[in-house]
Amino acid sequence: MKVKVKQEACIGCGACTAAADELFKINEEGVSVATTSVVPDELIDKAKDAIQSCPTDAIVEVSEDNE
């Protein structure tokens, strides 16, 4: 599984870091960034929680077709 944060959609609310602080952080501009593009197998559930918790749908799962 791969994830990315659509910077233009992120409002920096921190829902993703609350769900998966191993995978996301808030940067200097106040928006979220993924700390890794490839999610380790043991963190897939947390990544899915972060995707679902994002109020602006800024976190997306990336397939090889839409990278």
PDB file of N, CA and C in Angstrom:
ATOM      1  N   MET A   1       0.850  -1.178   0.000  1.00  0.00           N
ATOM      2  CA  MET A   1       0.000   0.000   0.000  1.00  0.00           C
ATOM      3  C   MET A   1       0.892   1.237   0.000  1.00  0.00           C
ATOM      4  N   LYS A   2       0.498   2.230  -0.830  1.00  0.00           N
ATOM      5  CA  LYS A   2       1.194   3.511  -0.865  1.00  0.00           C
ATOM      6  C   LYS A   2       0.186   4.613  -0.562  1.00  0.00           C
ATOM      7  N   VAL A   3       0.640   5.664   0.106  1.00  0.00           N
ATOM      8  CA  VAL A   3      -0.223   6.798   0.419  1.00  0.00           C
ATOM      9  C   VAL A   3       0.483   8.105   0.091  1.00  0.00           C
ATOM     10  N   LYS A   4      -0.326   9.131  -0.133  1.00  0.00           N
ATOM     11  CA  LYS A   4       0.228  10.476  -0.283  1.00  0.00           C
ATOM     12  C   LYS A   4      -0.794  11.466   0.242  1.00  0.00           C
ATOM     13  N   VAL A   5      -0.317  12.670   0.532  1.00  0.00           N
ATOM     14  CA  VAL A   5      -1.175  13.743   1.014  1.00  0.00           C
ATOM     15  C   VAL A   5      -1.289  14.784  -0.099  1.00  0.00           C
ATOM     16  N   LYS A   6      -2.509  15.093  -0.486  1.00  0.00           N
ATOM     17  CA  LYS A   6      -2.741  16.161  -1.461  1.00  0.00           C
ATOM     18  C   LYS A   6      -2.613  17.483  -0.700  1.00  0.00           C
ATOM     19  N   GLN A   7      -1.486  18.141  -0.886  1.00  0.00           N
ATOM     20  CA  GLN A   7      -1.166  19.355  -0.134  1.00  0.00           C
ATOM     21  C   GLN A   7      -2.221  20.441  -0.281  1.00  0.00           C
ATOM     22  N   GLU A   8      -2.785  20.583  -1.464  1.00  0.00           N
ATOM     23  CA  GLU A   8      -3.767  21.632  -1.707  1.00  0.00           C
ATOM     24  C   GLU A   8      -5.076  21.395  -0.958  1.00  0.00           C
ATOM     25  N   ALA A   9      -5.327  20.161  -0.551  1.00  0.00           N
ATOM     26  CA  ALA A   9      -6.562  19.834   0.158  1.00  0.00           C
ATOM     27  C   ALA A   9      -6.390  19.794   1.673  1.00  0.00           C
ATOM     28  N   CYS A  10      -5.159  19.661   2.143  1.00  0.00           N
ATOM     29  CA  CYS A  10      -4.897  19.507   3.571  1.00  0.00           C
ATOM     30  C   CYS A  10      -5.125  20.825   4.320  1.00  0.00           C
ATOM     31  N   ILE A  11      -5.803  20.713   5.472  1.00  0.00           N
ATOM     32  CA  ILE A  11      -6.024  21.879   6.328  1.00  0.00           C
ATOM     33  C   ILE A  11      -5.203  21.815   7.612  1.00  0.00           C
ATOM     34  N   GLY A  12      -4.386  20.782   7.741  1.00  0.00           N
ATOM     35  CA  GLY A  12      -3.496  20.672   8.894  1.00  0.00           C
ATOM     36  C   GLY A  12      -4.191  20.402  10.212  1.00  0.00           C
ATOM     37  N   CYS A  13      -5.313  19.704  10.176  1.00  0.00           N
ATOM     38  CA  CYS A  13      -6.079  19.473  11.405  1.00  0.00           C
ATOM     39  C   CYS A  13      -5.431  18.459  12.335  1.00  0.00           C
ATOM     40  N   GLY A  14      -4.567  17.596  11.803  1.00  0.00           N
ATOM     41  CA  GLY A  14      -3.867  16.622  12.629  1.00  0.00           C
ATOM     42  C   GLY A  14      -4.582  15.301  12.829  1.00  0.00           C
ATOM     43  N   ALA A  15      -5.705  15.098  12.153  1.00  0.00           N
ATOM     44  CA  ALA A  15      -6.416  13.822  12.301  1.00  0.00           C
ATOM     45  C   ALA A  15      -5.543  12.652  11.851  1.00  0.00           C
ATOM     46  N   CYS A  16      -4.752  12.856  10.829  1.00  0.00           N
ATOM     47  CA  CYS A  16      -3.901  11.778  10.332  1.00  0.00           C
ATOM     48  C   CYS A  16      -2.791  11.439  11.321  1.00  0.00           C
ATOM     49  N   THR A  17      -2.217  12.452  11.936  1.00  0.00           N
ATOM     50  CA  THR A  17      -1.161  12.177  12.908  1.00  0.00           C
ATOM     51  C   THR A  17      -1.730  11.522  14.158  1.00  0.00           C
ATOM     52  N   ALA A  18      -2.965  11.838  14.497  1.00  0.00           N
ATOM     53  CA  ALA A  18      -3.610  11.185  15.636  1.00  0.00           C
ATOM     54  C   ALA A  18      -3.860   9.707  15.323  1.00  0.00           C
ATOM     55  N   ALA A  19      -4.188   9.414  14.086  1.00  0.00           N
ATOM     56  CA  ALA A  19      -4.474   8.034  13.686  1.00  0.00           C
ATOM     57  C   ALA A  19      -3.208   7.232  13.409  1.00  0.00           C
ATOM     58  N   ALA A  20      -2.192   7.902  12.864  1.00  0.00           N
ATOM     59  CA  ALA A  20      -0.986   7.175  12.446  1.00  0.00           C
ATOM     60  C   ALA A  20       0.230   8.094  12.460  1.00  0.00           C
ATOM     61  N   ASP A  21       0.698   8.419  13.655  1.00  0.00           N
ATOM     62  CA  ASP A  21       1.839   9.338  13.733  1.00  0.00           C
ATOM     63  C   ASP A  21       3.132   8.726  13.209  1.00  0.00           C
ATOM     64  N   GLU A  22       3.121   7.412  12.995  1.00  0.00           N
ATOM     65  CA  GLU A  22       4.275   6.767  12.383  1.00  0.00           C
ATOM     66  C   GLU A  22       4.353   7.062  10.884  1.00  0.00           C
ATOM     67  N   LEU A  23       3.241   7.492  10.304  1.00  0.00           N
ATOM     68  CA  LEU A  23       3.167   7.659   8.854  1.00  0.00           C
ATOM     69  C   LEU A  23       3.015   9.098   8.388  1.00  0.00           C
ATOM     70  N   PHE A  24       2.571   9.994   9.281  1.00  0.00           N
ATOM     71  CA  PHE A  24       2.294  11.378   8.891  1.00  0.00           C
ATOM     72  C   PHE A  24       2.850  12.348   9.913  1.00  0.00           C
ATOM     73  N   LYS A  25       3.223  13.546   9.425  1.00  0.00           N
ATOM     74  CA  LYS A  25       3.635  14.622  10.322  1.00  0.00           C
ATOM     75  C   LYS A  25       3.132  15.933   9.729  1.00  0.00           C
ATOM     76  N   ILE A  26       3.022  16.930  10.577  1.00  0.00           N
ATOM     77  CA  ILE A  26       2.661  18.270  10.127  1.00  0.00           C
ATOM     78  C   ILE A  26       3.966  19.007   9.848  1.00  0.00           C
ATOM     79  N   ASN A  27       4.099  19.558   8.650  1.00  0.00           N
ATOM     80  CA  ASN A  27       5.345  20.228   8.271  1.00  0.00           C
ATOM     81  C   ASN A  27       5.364  21.694   8.701  1.00  0.00           C
ATOM     82  N   GLU A  28       6.400  22.403   8.315  1.00  0.00           N
ATOM     83  CA  GLU A  28       6.591  23.798   8.699  1.00  0.00           C
ATOM     84  C   GLU A  28       5.488  24.711   8.166  1.00  0.00           C
ATOM     85  N   GLU A  29       4.866  24.318   7.052  1.00  0.00           N
ATOM     86  CA  GLU A  29       3.782  25.108   6.467  1.00  0.00           C
ATOM     87  C   GLU A  29       2.436  24.826   7.137  1.00  0.00           C
ATOM     88  N   GLY A  30       2.425  23.881   8.067  1.00  0.00           N
ATOM     89  CA  GLY A  30       1.197  23.565   8.791  1.00  0.00           C
ATOM     90  C   GLY A  30       0.287  22.573   8.108  1.00  0.00           C
ATOM     91  N   VAL A  31       0.818  21.849   7.136  1.00  0.00           N
ATOM     92  CA  VAL A  31       0.029  20.811   6.471  1.00  0.00           C
ATOM     93  C   VAL A  31       0.709  19.464   6.643  1.00  0.00           C
ATOM     94  N   SER A  32      -0.054  18.425   6.450  1.00  0.00           N
ATOM     95  CA  SER A  32       0.452  17.078   6.654  1.00  0.00           C
ATOM     96  C   SER A  32       1.289  16.609   5.473  1.00  0.00           C
ATOM     97  N   VAL A  33       2.268  15.789   5.790  1.00  0.00           N
ATOM     98  CA  VAL A  33       3.055  15.091   4.781  1.00  0.00           C
ATOM     99  C   VAL A  33       3.207  13.643   5.227  1.00  0.00           C
ATOM    100  N   ALA A  34       3.277  12.755   4.252  1.00  0.00           N
ATOM    101  CA  ALA A  34       3.536  11.356   4.558  1.00  0.00           C
ATOM    102  C   ALA A  34       5.030  11.203   4.821  1.00  0.00           C
ATOM    103  N   THR A  35       5.375  10.499   5.883  1.00  0.00           N
ATOM    104  CA  THR A  35       6.781  10.297   6.207  1.00  0.00           C
ATOM    105  C   THR A  35       7.386   9.172   5.387  1.00  0.00           C
ATOM    106  N   THR A  36       6.552   8.383   4.736  1.00  0.00           N
ATOM    107  CA  THR A  36       6.983   7.330   3.828  1.00  0.00           C
ATOM    108  C   THR A  36       5.890   7.136   2.795  1.00  0.00           C
ATOM    109  N   SER A  37       6.256   6.783   1.591  1.00  0.00           N
ATOM    110  CA  SER A  37       5.223   6.555   0.582  1.00  0.00           C
ATOM    111  C   SER A  37       4.704   5.124   0.640  1.00  0.00           C
ATOM    112  N   VAL A  38       5.562   4.200   1.017  1.00  0.00           N
ATOM    113  CA  VAL A  38       5.158   2.795   1.118  1.00  0.00           C
ATOM    114  C   VAL A  38       4.861   2.475   2.574  1.00  0.00           C
ATOM    115  N   VAL A  39       3.645   2.057   2.835  1.00  0.00           N
ATOM    116  CA  VAL A  39       3.212   1.750   4.197  1.00  0.00           C
ATOM    117  C   VAL A  39       3.629   0.326   4.552  1.00  0.00           C
ATOM    118  N   PRO A  40       4.360   0.162   5.649  1.00  0.00           N
ATOM    119  CA  PRO A  40       4.702  -1.197   6.090  1.00  0.00           C
ATOM    120  C   PRO A  40       3.433  -1.995   6.402  1.00  0.00           C
ATOM    121  N   ASP A  41       3.490  -3.282   6.148  1.00  0.00           N
ATOM    122  CA  ASP A  41       2.318  -4.142   6.331  1.00  0.00           C
ATOM    123  C   ASP A  41       1.684  -3.986   7.708  1.00  0.00           C
ATOM    124  N   GLU A  42       2.504  -3.834   8.743  1.00  0.00           N
ATOM    125  CA  GLU A  42       1.970  -3.757  10.102  1.00  0.00           C
ATOM    126  C   GLU A  42       1.258  -2.427  10.387  1.00  0.00           C
ATOM    127  N   LEU A  43       1.376  -1.445   9.484  1.00  0.00           N
ATOM    128  CA  LEU A  43       0.726  -0.146   9.684  1.00  0.00           C
ATOM    129  C   LEU A  43      -0.412   0.122   8.702  1.00  0.00           C
ATOM    130  N   ILE A  44      -0.774  -0.872   7.912  1.00  0.00           N
ATOM    131  CA  ILE A  44      -1.836  -0.679   6.915  1.00  0.00           C
ATOM    132  C   ILE A  44      -3.151  -0.283   7.567  1.00  0.00           C
ATOM    133  N   ASP A  45      -3.534  -0.911   8.665  1.00  0.00           N
ATOM    134  CA  ASP A  45      -4.786  -0.546   9.333  1.00  0.00           C
ATOM    135  C   ASP A  45      -4.753   0.902   9.807  1.00  0.00           C
ATOM    136  N   LYS A  46      -3.616   1.347  10.331  1.00  0.00           N
ATOM    137  CA  LYS A  46      -3.496   2.735  10.773  1.00  0.00           C
ATOM    138  C   LYS A  46      -3.572   3.693   9.585  1.00  0.00           C
ATOM    139  N   ALA A  47      -2.970   3.314   8.463  1.00  0.00           N
ATOM    140  CA  ALA A  47      -3.032   4.159   7.269  1.00  0.00           C
ATOM    141  C   ALA A  47      -4.477   4.298   6.793  1.00  0.00           C
ATOM    142  N   LYS A  48      -5.216   3.201   6.812  1.00  0.00           N
ATOM    143  CA  LYS A  48      -6.626   3.252   6.410  1.00  0.00           C
ATOM    144  C   LYS A  48      -7.433   4.108   7.373  1.00  0.00           C
ATOM    145  N   ASP A  49      -7.129   4.034   8.666  1.00  0.00           N
ATOM    146  CA  ASP A  49      -7.794   4.895   9.649  1.00  0.00           C
ATOM    147  C   ASP A  49      -7.514   6.367   9.359  1.00  0.00           C
ATOM    148  N   ALA A  50      -6.275   6.679   9.005  1.00  0.00           N
ATOM    149  CA  ALA A  50      -5.907   8.058   8.695  1.00  0.00           C
ATOM    150  C   ALA A  50      -6.649   8.552   7.457  1.00  0.00           C
ATOM    151  N   ILE A  51      -6.744   7.711   6.444  1.00  0.00           N
ATOM    152  CA  ILE A  51      -7.476   8.074   5.224  1.00  0.00           C
ATOM    153  C   ILE A  51      -8.924   8.384   5.561  1.00  0.00           C
ATOM    154  N   GLN A  52      -9.538   7.533   6.364  1.00  0.00           N
ATOM    155  CA  GLN A  52     -10.944   7.718   6.717  1.00  0.00           C
ATOM    156  C   GLN A  52     -11.164   8.897   7.650  1.00  0.00           C
ATOM    157  N   SER A  53     -10.167   9.232   8.460  1.00  0.00           N
ATOM    158  CA  SER A  53     -10.347  10.310   9.431  1.00  0.00           C
ATOM    159  C   SER A  53     -10.113  11.699   8.843  1.00  0.00           C
ATOM    160  N   CYS A  54      -9.537  11.774   7.676  1.00  0.00           N
ATOM    161  CA  CYS A  54      -9.223  13.080   7.075  1.00  0.00           C
ATOM    162  C   CYS A  54     -10.506  13.778   6.625  1.00  0.00           C
ATOM    163  N   PRO A  55     -10.803  14.952   7.195  1.00  0.00           N
ATOM    164  CA  PRO A  55     -12.066  15.619   6.871  1.00  0.00           C
ATOM    165  C   PRO A  55     -12.120  16.215   5.458  1.00  0.00           C
ATOM    166  N   THR A  56     -10.963  16.363   4.820  1.00  0.00           N
ATOM    167  CA  THR A  56     -10.952  16.946   3.478  1.00  0.00           C
ATOM    168  C   THR A  56     -10.549  15.948   2.398  1.00  0.00           C
ATOM    169  N   ASP A  57     -10.450  14.681   2.771  1.00  0.00           N
ATOM    170  CA  ASP A  57     -10.028  13.624   1.833  1.00  0.00           C
ATOM    171  C   ASP A  57      -8.684  13.929   1.184  1.00  0.00           C
ATOM    172  N   ALA A  58      -7.788  14.539   1.953  1.00  0.00           N
ATOM    173  CA  ALA A  58      -6.475  14.901   1.432  1.00  0.00           C
ATOM    174  C   ALA A  58      -5.516  13.721   1.370  1.00  0.00           C
ATOM    175  N   ILE A  59      -5.789  12.682   2.127  1.00  0.00           N
ATOM    176  CA  ILE A  59      -4.920  11.498   2.121  1.00  0.00           C
ATOM    177  C   ILE A  59      -5.527  10.481   1.183  1.00  0.00           C
ATOM    178  N   VAL A  60      -4.696  10.016   0.254  1.00  0.00           N
ATOM    179  CA  VAL A  60      -5.187   9.059  -0.740  1.00  0.00           C
ATOM    180  C   VAL A  60      -4.259   7.868  -0.822  1.00  0.00           C
ATOM    181  N   GLU A  61      -4.870   6.738  -1.116  1.00  0.00           N
ATOM    182  CA  GLU A  61      -4.082   5.545  -1.428  1.00  0.00           C
ATOM    183  C   GLU A  61      -3.667   5.667  -2.884  1.00  0.00           C
ATOM    184  N   VAL A  62      -2.410   5.404  -3.135  1.00  0.00           N
ATOM    185  CA  VAL A  62      -1.870   5.555  -4.482  1.00  0.00           C
ATOM    186  C   VAL A  62      -1.651   4.177  -5.088  1.00  0.00           C
ATOM    187  N   SER A  63      -2.234   3.984  -6.247  1.00  0.00           N
ATOM    188  CA  SER A  63      -1.959   2.749  -6.975  1.00  0.00           C
ATOM    189  C   SER A  63      -0.896   3.062  -8.007  1.00  0.00           C
ATOM    190  N   GLU A  64      -0.328   2.049  -8.588  1.00  0.00           N
ATOM    191  CA  GLU A  64       0.702   2.286  -9.591  1.00  0.00           C
ATOM    192  C   GLU A  64       0.129   2.989 -10.806  1.00  0.00           C
ATOM    193  N   ASP A  65      -1.179   2.893 -11.010  1.00  0.00           N
ATOM    194  CA  ASP A  65      -1.821   3.547 -12.149  1.00  0.00           C
ATOM    195  C   ASP A  65      -1.930   5.045 -11.976  1.00  0.00           C
ATOM    196  N   ASN A  66      -2.062   5.539 -10.699  1.00  0.00           N
ATOM    197  CA  ASN A  66      -2.289   6.971 -10.497  1.00  0.00           C
ATOM    198  C   ASN A  66      -1.174   7.654  -9.708  1.00  0.00           C
ATOM    199  N   GLU A  67       0.055   7.098  -9.775  1.00  0.00           N
ATOM    200  CA  GLU A  67       1.185   7.703  -9.060  1.00  0.00           C
ATOM    201  C   GLU A  67       1.524   8.994  -9.647  1.00  0.00           C
TER     202      GLU A  67
END
